[in-house]
Protein backbone atom coordinates (compact mmCIF):
# COMPACT_ATOMS: atom_id res chain seq x y z
CA MET A 1 -5.58 -14.06 18.14
CA SER A 2 -1.79 -14.17 17.89
CA ALA A 3 0.49 -14.54 20.91
CA LEU A 4 1.59 -10.91 20.66
CA ASP A 5 -1.31 -8.55 21.44
CA LEU A 6 -0.89 -5.22 19.65
CA GLY A 7 -4.00 -3.69 21.13
CA LEU A 8 -5.82 -3.83 17.80
CA GLY A 9 -8.57 -6.26 18.80
CA GLY A 10 -12.07 -4.90 18.24
CA LYS A 11 -10.97 -2.25 15.76
CA ALA A 12 -12.26 -1.96 12.20
CA ALA A 13 -10.06 -1.61 9.12
CA LEU A 14 -10.48 -0.81 5.43
CA VAL A 15 -7.72 -2.27 3.25
CA THR A 16 -7.34 -1.52 -0.47
CA GLY A 17 -5.47 -3.85 -2.80
CA ALA A 18 -6.58 -6.69 -0.54
CA ALA A 19 -7.16 -9.38 -3.16
CA SER A 20 -3.54 -10.53 -3.11
CA GLY A 21 0.05 -9.67 -2.25
CA ILE A 22 0.86 -7.13 0.42
CA GLY A 23 -2.75 -6.00 0.90
CA ALA A 24 -3.92 -9.55 1.51
CA ALA A 25 -1.02 -10.22 3.89
CA ILE A 26 -1.76 -7.13 5.98
CA ALA A 27 -5.52 -7.77 6.02
CA THR A 28 -4.99 -11.37 7.14
CA ALA A 29 -2.56 -10.32 9.87
CA LEU A 30 -5.05 -7.72 11.12
CA ALA A 31 -7.79 -10.33 11.31
CA ARG A 32 -5.54 -12.54 13.41
CA GLN A 33 -5.35 -9.66 15.88
CA GLY A 34 -9.15 -9.57 16.11
CA VAL A 35 -9.70 -6.68 13.70
CA VAL A 36 -12.88 -6.64 11.61
CA VAL A 37 -11.74 -6.01 8.04
CA CYS A 38 -13.32 -4.64 4.88
CA LEU A 39 -11.38 -5.72 1.79
CA ALA A 40 -11.38 -3.52 -1.32
CA ASP A 41 -10.01 -4.40 -4.73
CA ARG A 42 -10.83 -4.40 -8.44
CA GLN A 43 -10.16 -8.15 -8.43
CA SER A 44 -12.09 -10.76 -6.46
CA CYS A 45 -11.12 -10.91 -2.78
CA GLU A 46 -12.53 -14.41 -2.30
CA THR A 47 -9.17 -16.02 -1.49
CA THR A 48 -8.42 -13.43 1.19
CA LEU A 49 -11.99 -13.64 2.50
CA GLN A 50 -11.68 -17.38 2.99
CA GLU A 51 -8.37 -16.96 4.82
CA ILE A 52 -9.70 -14.24 7.12
CA ARG A 53 -13.00 -15.90 8.00
CA GLN A 54 -11.07 -18.36 10.11
CA ASP A 55 -10.16 -15.54 12.50
CA ALA A 56 -12.59 -12.62 12.19
CA THR A 57 -15.65 -11.16 10.51
CA THR A 58 -14.86 -9.66 7.13
CA TYR A 59 -16.52 -7.88 4.23
CA SER A 60 -15.48 -6.97 0.70
CA VAL A 61 -16.08 -4.17 -1.79
CA ASN A 62 -15.38 -4.31 -5.50
CA VAL A 63 -13.92 -0.99 -6.62
CA ASP A 64 -12.12 0.55 -9.58
CA LEU A 65 -9.98 3.19 -7.89
CA ARG A 66 -9.60 5.24 -11.07
CA PHE A 67 -13.07 6.68 -10.52
CA GLU A 68 -13.93 9.11 -7.72
CA ASP A 69 -17.51 7.95 -7.30
CA GLN A 70 -16.36 4.37 -6.74
CA VAL A 71 -13.70 5.43 -4.22
CA ARG A 72 -16.24 7.45 -2.27
CA SER A 73 -18.73 4.57 -2.40
CA MET A 74 -16.01 2.23 -1.12
CA VAL A 75 -15.53 4.35 2.00
CA SER A 76 -19.27 4.70 2.55
CA GLN A 77 -19.83 0.96 2.21
CA ALA A 78 -16.97 0.22 4.59
CA VAL A 79 -18.48 2.51 7.22
CA GLU A 80 -21.86 0.83 6.71
CA TYR A 81 -20.43 -2.67 7.01
CA LEU A 82 -18.00 -1.99 9.84
CA GLY A 83 -19.90 0.66 11.77
CA ALA A 84 -16.74 2.79 11.81
CA ILE A 85 -13.23 2.91 10.35
CA ASP A 86 -10.40 2.94 12.88
CA LEU A 87 -7.65 1.93 10.46
CA PHE A 88 -7.19 2.67 6.77
CA ILE A 89 -4.49 0.86 4.81
CA ASN A 90 -3.88 2.07 1.25
CA VAL A 91 -2.05 -0.67 -0.64
CA ALA A 92 -3.61 -0.70 -4.11
CA GLY A 93 -1.34 0.33 -6.93
CA SER A 94 -0.96 0.14 -10.68
CA LEU A 95 2.24 -0.31 -12.68
CA ALA A 96 2.88 0.00 -16.41
CA THR A 97 6.22 -0.17 -18.18
CA GLU A 98 6.52 2.59 -20.78
CA SER A 99 9.70 4.47 -21.71
CA ILE A 100 9.51 8.25 -21.91
CA THR A 101 9.13 8.46 -25.68
CA ARG A 102 6.39 5.83 -25.61
CA THR A 103 4.39 7.08 -22.65
CA THR A 104 0.69 7.38 -23.43
CA LEU A 105 -1.66 9.80 -21.73
CA THR A 106 -4.03 6.95 -20.97
CA THR A 107 -1.37 5.03 -19.07
CA TRP A 108 -0.11 8.15 -17.31
CA ASN A 109 -3.60 9.12 -16.16
CA ASP A 110 -4.55 5.61 -15.08
CA ILE A 111 -1.43 5.20 -12.94
CA LEU A 112 -1.75 8.57 -11.24
CA ALA A 113 -5.49 8.10 -10.73
CA THR A 114 -5.01 4.68 -9.11
CA ASN A 115 -1.85 5.35 -7.12
CA VAL A 116 -2.25 8.96 -5.96
CA THR A 117 -5.67 10.43 -6.62
CA ALA A 118 -7.58 7.46 -5.25
CA CYS A 119 -5.55 7.56 -2.05
CA ALA A 120 -6.20 11.29 -1.67
CA ILE A 121 -9.95 10.87 -2.17
CA ALA A 122 -10.17 7.89 0.17
CA CYS A 123 -8.07 9.62 2.84
CA ARG A 124 -10.20 12.75 2.52
CA ASP A 125 -13.38 10.83 3.30
CA VAL A 126 -11.82 8.48 5.86
CA SER A 127 -10.20 11.43 7.65
CA ALA A 128 -13.49 13.34 7.81
CA HIS A 129 -15.10 10.23 9.30
CA MET A 130 -12.33 9.78 11.87
CA ILE A 131 -12.37 13.45 12.86
CA ALA A 132 -16.14 13.41 13.33
CA ARG A 133 -15.88 10.31 15.56
CA GLY A 134 -13.27 11.99 17.72
CA ARG A 135 -11.50 8.73 18.60
CA GLY A 136 -8.29 9.11 16.65
CA GLY A 137 -7.22 6.46 14.18
CA ALA A 138 -4.32 5.32 12.04
CA ILE A 139 -3.64 5.45 8.31
CA LEU A 140 -0.94 3.45 6.57
CA VAL A 141 0.10 4.17 2.98
CA VAL A 142 2.20 1.65 1.05
CA GLY A 143 4.85 3.23 -1.18
CA SER A 144 7.69 1.87 -3.29
CA THR A 145 11.49 1.98 -3.30
CA VAL A 146 11.21 3.47 -6.78
CA THR A 147 11.09 6.78 -4.90
CA TYR A 148 14.71 6.12 -3.86
CA ASN A 149 15.93 4.34 -6.98
CA PRO A 150 14.76 5.59 -10.41
CA ALA A 151 13.73 2.69 -12.61
CA TYR A 152 13.84 2.59 -16.38
CA ALA A 153 10.50 2.83 -18.22
CA GLN A 154 8.61 3.60 -15.00
CA GLY A 155 8.38 7.38 -15.09
CA ALA A 156 4.66 7.58 -14.36
CA TYR A 157 4.92 5.00 -11.60
CA ARG A 158 7.76 6.85 -9.90
CA VAL A 159 5.94 10.18 -10.11
CA SER A 160 2.88 8.55 -8.54
CA LYS A 161 4.77 6.98 -5.65
CA THR A 162 6.84 10.10 -4.97
CA GLY A 163 3.63 12.13 -4.90
CA LEU A 164 2.11 9.59 -2.54
CA LYS A 165 4.91 10.09 -0.04
CA ALA A 166 4.53 13.88 -0.15
CA TYR A 167 0.79 13.52 0.38
CA MET A 168 1.32 11.16 3.32
CA GLU A 169 3.47 13.79 5.04
CA THR A 170 0.79 16.45 4.56
CA LEU A 171 -1.83 14.10 5.95
CA ALA A 172 0.36 13.44 8.98
CA ILE A 173 0.71 17.09 10.01
CA GLU A 174 -2.91 18.03 9.32
CA LEU A 175 -4.39 15.04 11.13
CA ALA A 176 -2.00 15.03 14.10
CA PRO A 177 -4.13 17.47 16.16
CA PHE A 178 -6.98 14.96 15.96
CA GLY A 179 -4.87 12.08 17.24
CA ILE A 180 -4.82 10.40 13.82
CA ARG A 181 -1.43 8.97 12.93
CA VAL A 182 -0.30 8.57 9.30
CA ASN A 183 2.72 6.57 8.19
CA MET A 184 4.16 4.89 5.11
CA LEU A 185 5.66 1.47 4.44
CA THR A 186 7.99 1.32 1.47
CA PRO A 187 8.46 -2.26 0.27
CA GLY A 188 11.23 -3.40 -1.99
CA PRO A 189 10.86 -6.52 -4.17
CA PHE A 190 8.08 -8.76 -2.89
CA PRO A 191 6.15 -11.50 -4.72
CA THR A 192 3.15 -9.35 -5.68
CA PRO A 193 1.10 -9.14 -8.88
CA LEU A 194 3.00 -5.97 -9.86
CA VAL A 195 6.38 -7.66 -9.51
CA ALA A 196 5.06 -10.74 -11.30
CA ARG A 197 4.73 -8.64 -14.47
CA LEU A 198 8.50 -8.26 -14.64
CA SER A 199 10.64 -10.78 -16.45
CA ASP A 200 12.62 -13.34 -14.46
CA GLU A 201 15.77 -11.47 -15.48
CA GLN A 202 14.44 -8.16 -14.16
CA ARG A 203 13.33 -9.74 -10.91
CA TRP A 204 16.73 -11.34 -10.38
CA SER A 205 18.46 -8.10 -11.33
CA ALA A 206 16.57 -6.28 -8.58
CA ALA A 207 16.94 -9.08 -6.04
CA ARG A 208 20.70 -9.34 -6.44
CA GLU A 209 20.99 -5.65 -5.49
CA VAL A 210 19.35 -6.31 -2.12
CA PRO A 211 22.14 -6.19 0.48
CA LEU A 212 20.28 -8.55 2.82
CA ASP A 213 20.49 -12.07 1.33
CA GLN A 214 20.07 -10.91 -2.30
CA ARG A 215 16.46 -12.08 -2.45
CA GLU A 216 12.89 -10.88 -2.69
CA GLY A 217 11.11 -10.28 0.56
CA ARG A 218 8.51 -12.66 1.96
CA LEU A 219 5.01 -11.34 2.58
CA SER A 220 5.32 -12.56 6.15
CA GLU A 221 8.16 -10.05 6.59
CA ILE A 222 6.07 -6.96 5.87
CA ALA A 223 2.80 -7.55 7.72
CA PRO A 224 4.26 -7.42 11.29
CA LEU A 225 5.76 -3.98 10.74
CA ALA A 226 2.52 -2.74 9.17
CA LEU A 227 0.63 -3.83 12.27
CA ALA A 228 3.18 -2.23 14.57
CA LEU A 229 2.74 1.13 12.81
CA LEU A 230 -1.05 0.82 13.04
CA SER A 231 -0.88 -0.07 16.73
CA ASP A 232 -1.16 2.70 19.33
CA THR A 233 0.41 0.28 21.77
CA PHE A 234 3.64 0.16 19.77
CA SER A 235 3.63 3.41 17.78
CA SER A 236 1.63 6.00 19.71
CA TYR A 237 4.34 8.65 19.14
CA VAL A 238 5.07 7.77 15.51
CA THR A 239 3.61 9.71 12.60
CA GLY A 240 4.79 10.98 9.22
CA VAL A 241 7.54 8.39 8.84
CA ASP A 242 8.48 6.36 5.78
CA VAL A 243 9.83 2.94 6.73
CA PRO A 244 11.59 0.95 3.99
CA VAL A 245 11.03 -2.80 4.16
CA ASP A 246 13.42 -3.79 1.41
CA GLY A 247 16.46 -5.57 2.79
CA GLY A 248 18.44 -2.35 2.28
CA LEU A 249 17.61 -2.01 -1.42
CA HIS A 250 17.01 1.75 -1.05
CA LEU A 251 20.74 2.09 -0.36
CA ARG A 252 21.75 0.60 -3.69
CA PRO A 253 21.36 1.78 -7.30
CA LEU A 254 19.26 -0.36 -9.60
CA TYR A 255 20.92 -1.72 -12.71
CA LEU A 256 18.60 -3.35 -15.21
CA GLY A 257 20.61 -3.55 -18.42
CA THR A 258 23.53 -2.48 -20.58
CA ILE A 259 23.81 0.95 -22.21
CA ALA A 260 22.68 -0.60 -25.49
CA GLU A 261 19.61 -2.05 -23.79
CA VAL A 262 18.77 1.29 -22.21
CA LYS A 263 19.07 3.06 -25.57
CA ARG A 264 16.74 0.55 -27.17
CA LEU A 265 13.97 1.62 -24.78
CA ASN A 266 13.52 4.75 -26.88
CA GLN A 267 14.63 3.65 -30.36
């Protein structure tokens, strides 16, 4: 248990994208508050499991979020393991770099299925569970600053994350009468598997546009705010908000190349 008690102890959480990066950081921070956590990811969650077992009981589910039956099974298994879901944190996301004249339907469908549709299906089932329990709950959706700053060759990704924000707002107003709060965290550049796919030049190009210290964020800088938004002690009157955690990057335009380099994307 950490020194600062957020009133989360004894709750149960389902976290997607928990094998690494932001999902792992949030799941680990929750465990340190005494939350029982179910980790969900397409990749192995063993590293996160080992970290969490020092502080709390934890479970894991292997899931490919592109498929509805697996998403629904994920929620069902989490309820079985945990007994209930008090907190749902949707972190999982997919990124592919394809310019508009090279976009394939397979890539487009995979990104939207993973980033938007899976969240909608999971939230549908988690929400029904929370409503039936009648004890409120909290949902946190992780977005991206690409909703503020268009990025070259990421059309599908931006559509998915913009749609995710719109869906979060609908969730917030529909679930508010049941005492279920829904919010979004919008991270800028953090050392995650998605960011790791970018070249060093692209990562530096993004980092130098960050007003605060011109650097990528540290995972330790996002988990505390995530927990605060999930906590009724700290955020009981907060729902439907999108909180950027990006060092101010959403205030700056992204520049990733010269005009010639931009033209070459589609030549």
